[in-house]
Protein backbone atom coordinates (compact mmCIF):
# COMPACT_ATOMS: atom_id res chain seq x y z
CA MET A 1 115.76 83.21 109.84
CA GLY A 2 112.38 84.06 108.54
CA VAL A 3 111.23 86.31 105.73
CA PHE A 4 108.11 88.42 106.10
CA ASN A 5 105.87 90.79 104.14
CA ALA A 6 105.36 94.42 105.12
CA ALA A 7 102.42 93.51 107.40
CA GLY A 8 104.63 91.10 109.37
CA ALA A 9 103.17 87.83 108.06
CA ARG A 10 105.71 85.06 107.50
CA LEU A 11 106.23 84.16 103.84
CA THR A 12 106.46 80.59 102.59
CA ARG A 13 108.48 79.51 99.59
CA THR A 14 105.34 79.07 97.48
CA ALA A 15 103.92 82.45 98.55
CA PHE A 16 107.15 84.39 97.93
CA PRO A 17 106.04 87.51 96.03
CA ALA A 18 107.93 87.04 92.76
CA ALA A 19 106.98 86.55 89.12
CA ASP A 20 108.82 84.75 86.33
CA ALA A 21 111.16 86.89 84.25
CA PRO A 22 113.26 85.85 81.25
CA ASP A 23 116.55 83.91 81.65
CA PRO A 24 115.69 82.12 84.98
CA LEU A 25 115.27 85.38 86.83
CA LYS A 26 112.44 86.40 89.14
CA ARG A 27 111.09 89.88 89.74
CA VAL A 28 110.12 90.61 93.34
CA THR A 29 106.49 91.78 93.32
CA ALA A 30 106.25 93.04 96.93
CA ASP A 31 108.75 94.31 99.51
CA VAL A 32 110.33 91.40 101.44
CA TYR A 33 111.79 91.76 104.93
CA ALA A 34 114.14 89.60 106.99
CA THR A 35 114.57 89.46 110.74
CA ARG A 36 117.52 88.69 112.92
CA ALA A 37 117.82 88.46 116.67
CA HIS A 38 119.18 91.37 118.68
CA ASP A 39 122.61 90.71 120.17
CA ALA A 40 122.35 89.01 123.56
CA GLY A 41 124.85 91.40 125.14
CA THR A 42 127.84 90.60 127.25
CA ARG A 43 126.73 91.85 130.66
CA PRO A 44 124.39 89.81 132.88
CA SER A 45 122.00 92.78 133.01
CA ASP A 46 121.66 92.75 129.19
CA SER A 47 119.76 89.47 129.16
CA ARG A 48 118.80 87.32 132.12
CA ASP A 49 118.96 84.02 130.27
CA GLY A 50 121.51 84.85 127.57
CA VAL A 51 118.76 84.65 124.92
CA PRO A 52 118.36 87.71 122.68
CA GLU A 53 115.18 89.69 123.30
CA GLY A 54 113.19 90.61 120.20
CA SER A 55 114.39 90.96 116.66
CA ILE A 56 115.42 93.54 114.09
CA LYS A 57 113.37 93.75 110.87
CA THR A 58 115.19 94.97 107.76
CA LEU A 59 114.23 95.39 104.13
CA LEU A 60 115.72 92.47 102.21
CA TYR A 61 114.36 93.07 98.69
CA LYS A 62 112.37 96.02 97.30
CA THR A 63 109.54 95.57 94.83
CA GLY A 64 111.00 95.32 91.35
CA THR A 65 114.30 93.72 92.38
CA ILE A 66 115.42 91.04 89.92
CA LEU A 67 116.72 87.81 91.51
CA ARG A 68 117.71 84.39 90.31
CA ALA A 69 115.43 81.57 91.49
CA SER A 70 118.39 80.07 93.39
CA GLN A 71 118.64 83.26 95.47
CA ILE A 72 115.02 82.81 96.55
CA ASP A 73 115.58 79.08 97.21
CA ALA A 74 118.53 79.95 99.49
CA LEU A 75 116.14 81.91 101.75
CA PHE A 76 114.32 78.66 102.59
CA PRO A 77 116.91 76.11 103.79
CA PRO A 78 115.50 72.71 104.74
CA ALA A 79 114.72 71.94 108.36
CA ALA A 80 116.68 69.33 110.28
CA ILE A 81 115.65 67.52 113.47
CA ALA A 82 118.51 66.95 115.90
CA ALA A 83 116.59 65.73 118.97
CA VAL A 84 113.12 64.94 120.30
CA SER A 85 112.57 65.30 124.05
CA PRO A 86 111.10 63.42 125.76
CA GLN A 87 111.47 60.44 123.46
CA THR A 88 108.70 58.40 125.07
CA GLY A 89 105.15 58.97 126.25
CA PRO A 90 101.82 57.24 126.79
CA ALA A 91 99.85 55.80 123.86
CA ALA A 92 96.95 57.96 124.99
CA GLY A 93 98.88 60.97 123.68
CA GLY A 94 99.10 64.36 125.33
CA THR A 95 102.88 64.42 125.85
CA VAL A 96 104.33 67.88 125.21
CA VAL A 97 107.46 67.30 123.10
CA THR A 98 110.28 69.72 122.37
CA ILE A 99 112.01 69.28 119.02
CA THR A 100 115.40 70.89 118.49
CA GLY A 101 117.31 71.26 115.26
CA THR A 102 117.91 73.86 112.59
CA ASN A 103 115.65 75.92 110.35
CA LEU A 104 112.54 74.84 112.24
CA ASP A 105 110.83 78.25 111.97
CA GLY A 106 109.11 77.21 108.71
CA VAL A 107 107.64 73.98 110.11
CA THR A 108 103.85 73.92 109.70
CA GLU A 109 103.07 70.38 110.89
CA VAL A 110 104.66 67.59 112.91
CA LYS A 111 103.46 64.01 112.53
CA PHE A 112 104.10 61.11 114.88
CA GLY A 113 103.85 58.18 112.51
CA ALA A 114 100.88 58.99 110.29
CA THR A 115 99.08 61.22 112.81
CA ALA A 116 99.61 64.95 113.24
CA GLY A 117 100.53 66.36 116.60
CA THR A 118 98.55 69.25 118.04
CA ALA A 119 99.29 72.65 119.56
CA LEU A 120 102.38 73.18 117.39
CA LYS A 121 104.34 76.22 118.60
CA VAL A 122 107.51 77.39 116.86
CA LEU A 123 109.68 78.84 119.63
CA SER A 124 112.69 79.77 117.49
CA SER A 125 114.52 78.65 114.36
CA GLY A 126 116.10 75.91 116.48
CA LYS A 127 113.22 74.82 118.71
CA LEU A 128 109.53 73.98 118.52
CA ARG A 129 106.98 72.37 120.82
CA VAL A 130 104.13 70.03 119.89
CA THR A 131 101.72 67.71 121.71
CA THR A 132 101.60 64.02 120.74
CA PRO A 133 98.40 62.45 119.43
CA ALA A 134 97.00 59.13 120.63
CA ALA A 135 98.68 56.19 118.91
CA THR A 136 99.38 52.48 119.09
CA ALA A 137 102.28 51.51 121.35
CA GLY A 138 105.65 51.39 119.64
CA ALA A 139 108.30 53.52 118.01
CA VAL A 140 107.28 55.95 115.27
CA ASN A 141 109.05 58.38 112.98
CA VAL A 142 108.72 62.07 113.79
CA VAL A 143 108.15 64.00 110.55
CA ALA A 144 108.24 67.78 110.33
CA ALA A 145 106.79 69.45 107.23
CA ASP A 146 108.28 72.72 105.98
CA ASP A 147 108.66 74.64 102.69
CA ALA A 148 111.57 72.46 101.53
CA GLY A 149 109.62 69.23 102.16
CA PRO A 150 109.31 66.76 105.00
CA VAL A 151 112.24 65.89 107.31
CA THR A 152 112.24 62.75 109.40
CA LYS A 153 113.71 61.66 112.72
CA THR A 154 113.55 57.88 112.29
CA GLY A 155 112.15 56.18 115.40
CA GLY A 156 112.11 59.60 117.06
CA PHE A 157 109.31 58.89 119.55
CA THR A 158 108.05 55.75 121.29
CA PHE A 159 104.49 55.37 122.51
CA ALA A 160 104.32 53.19 125.61
C-alpha cells in the first residue's frame, strides 16, 4: 500500500503532511490518499495474468483530521526481503535482480554490500527490480532502504 498527496506523488514517512498537536496527536495538514489494487476478477477475460490492472485512489485523511502518531506510523510498515533472484552474477555487475518480499513499495535504494545498485524499479509492494553494481567476488548482504529503516538479506547475492 502506498499513500499519496492530491497530485499523485508518493508520500514518505518524513514528508507526511502533519503537524504536532497537544497530547501526542498530529493534525493532518494536507489531504492524504491511499490506493489499493482493483480486484483481479474471476473470469479469464477479466485479467490475462491474474494480476489486477490499475488501482483505486481514495481519500484517507482530510486536512484538519487529528491522528495519533502511531496511526501515521502504521501507514509505513517496514519492508521485508524474502528472496533475491538470481542470487549470483558476475563481479563486473550488470545483473538485473528481482527482489520479492513485503512492503517494498517504499524502497528508495538497494545496496549490494556497500555499493548501491542502479536502475531501481518498484514493480509492486511485493516486488522490485535493480541492477547490480561492479564488486569484488564473494557473497554480500542485500540491503533495501525504506522509510522504516534498512532491511537486510544476509548473504543475499554472490558476485562470481
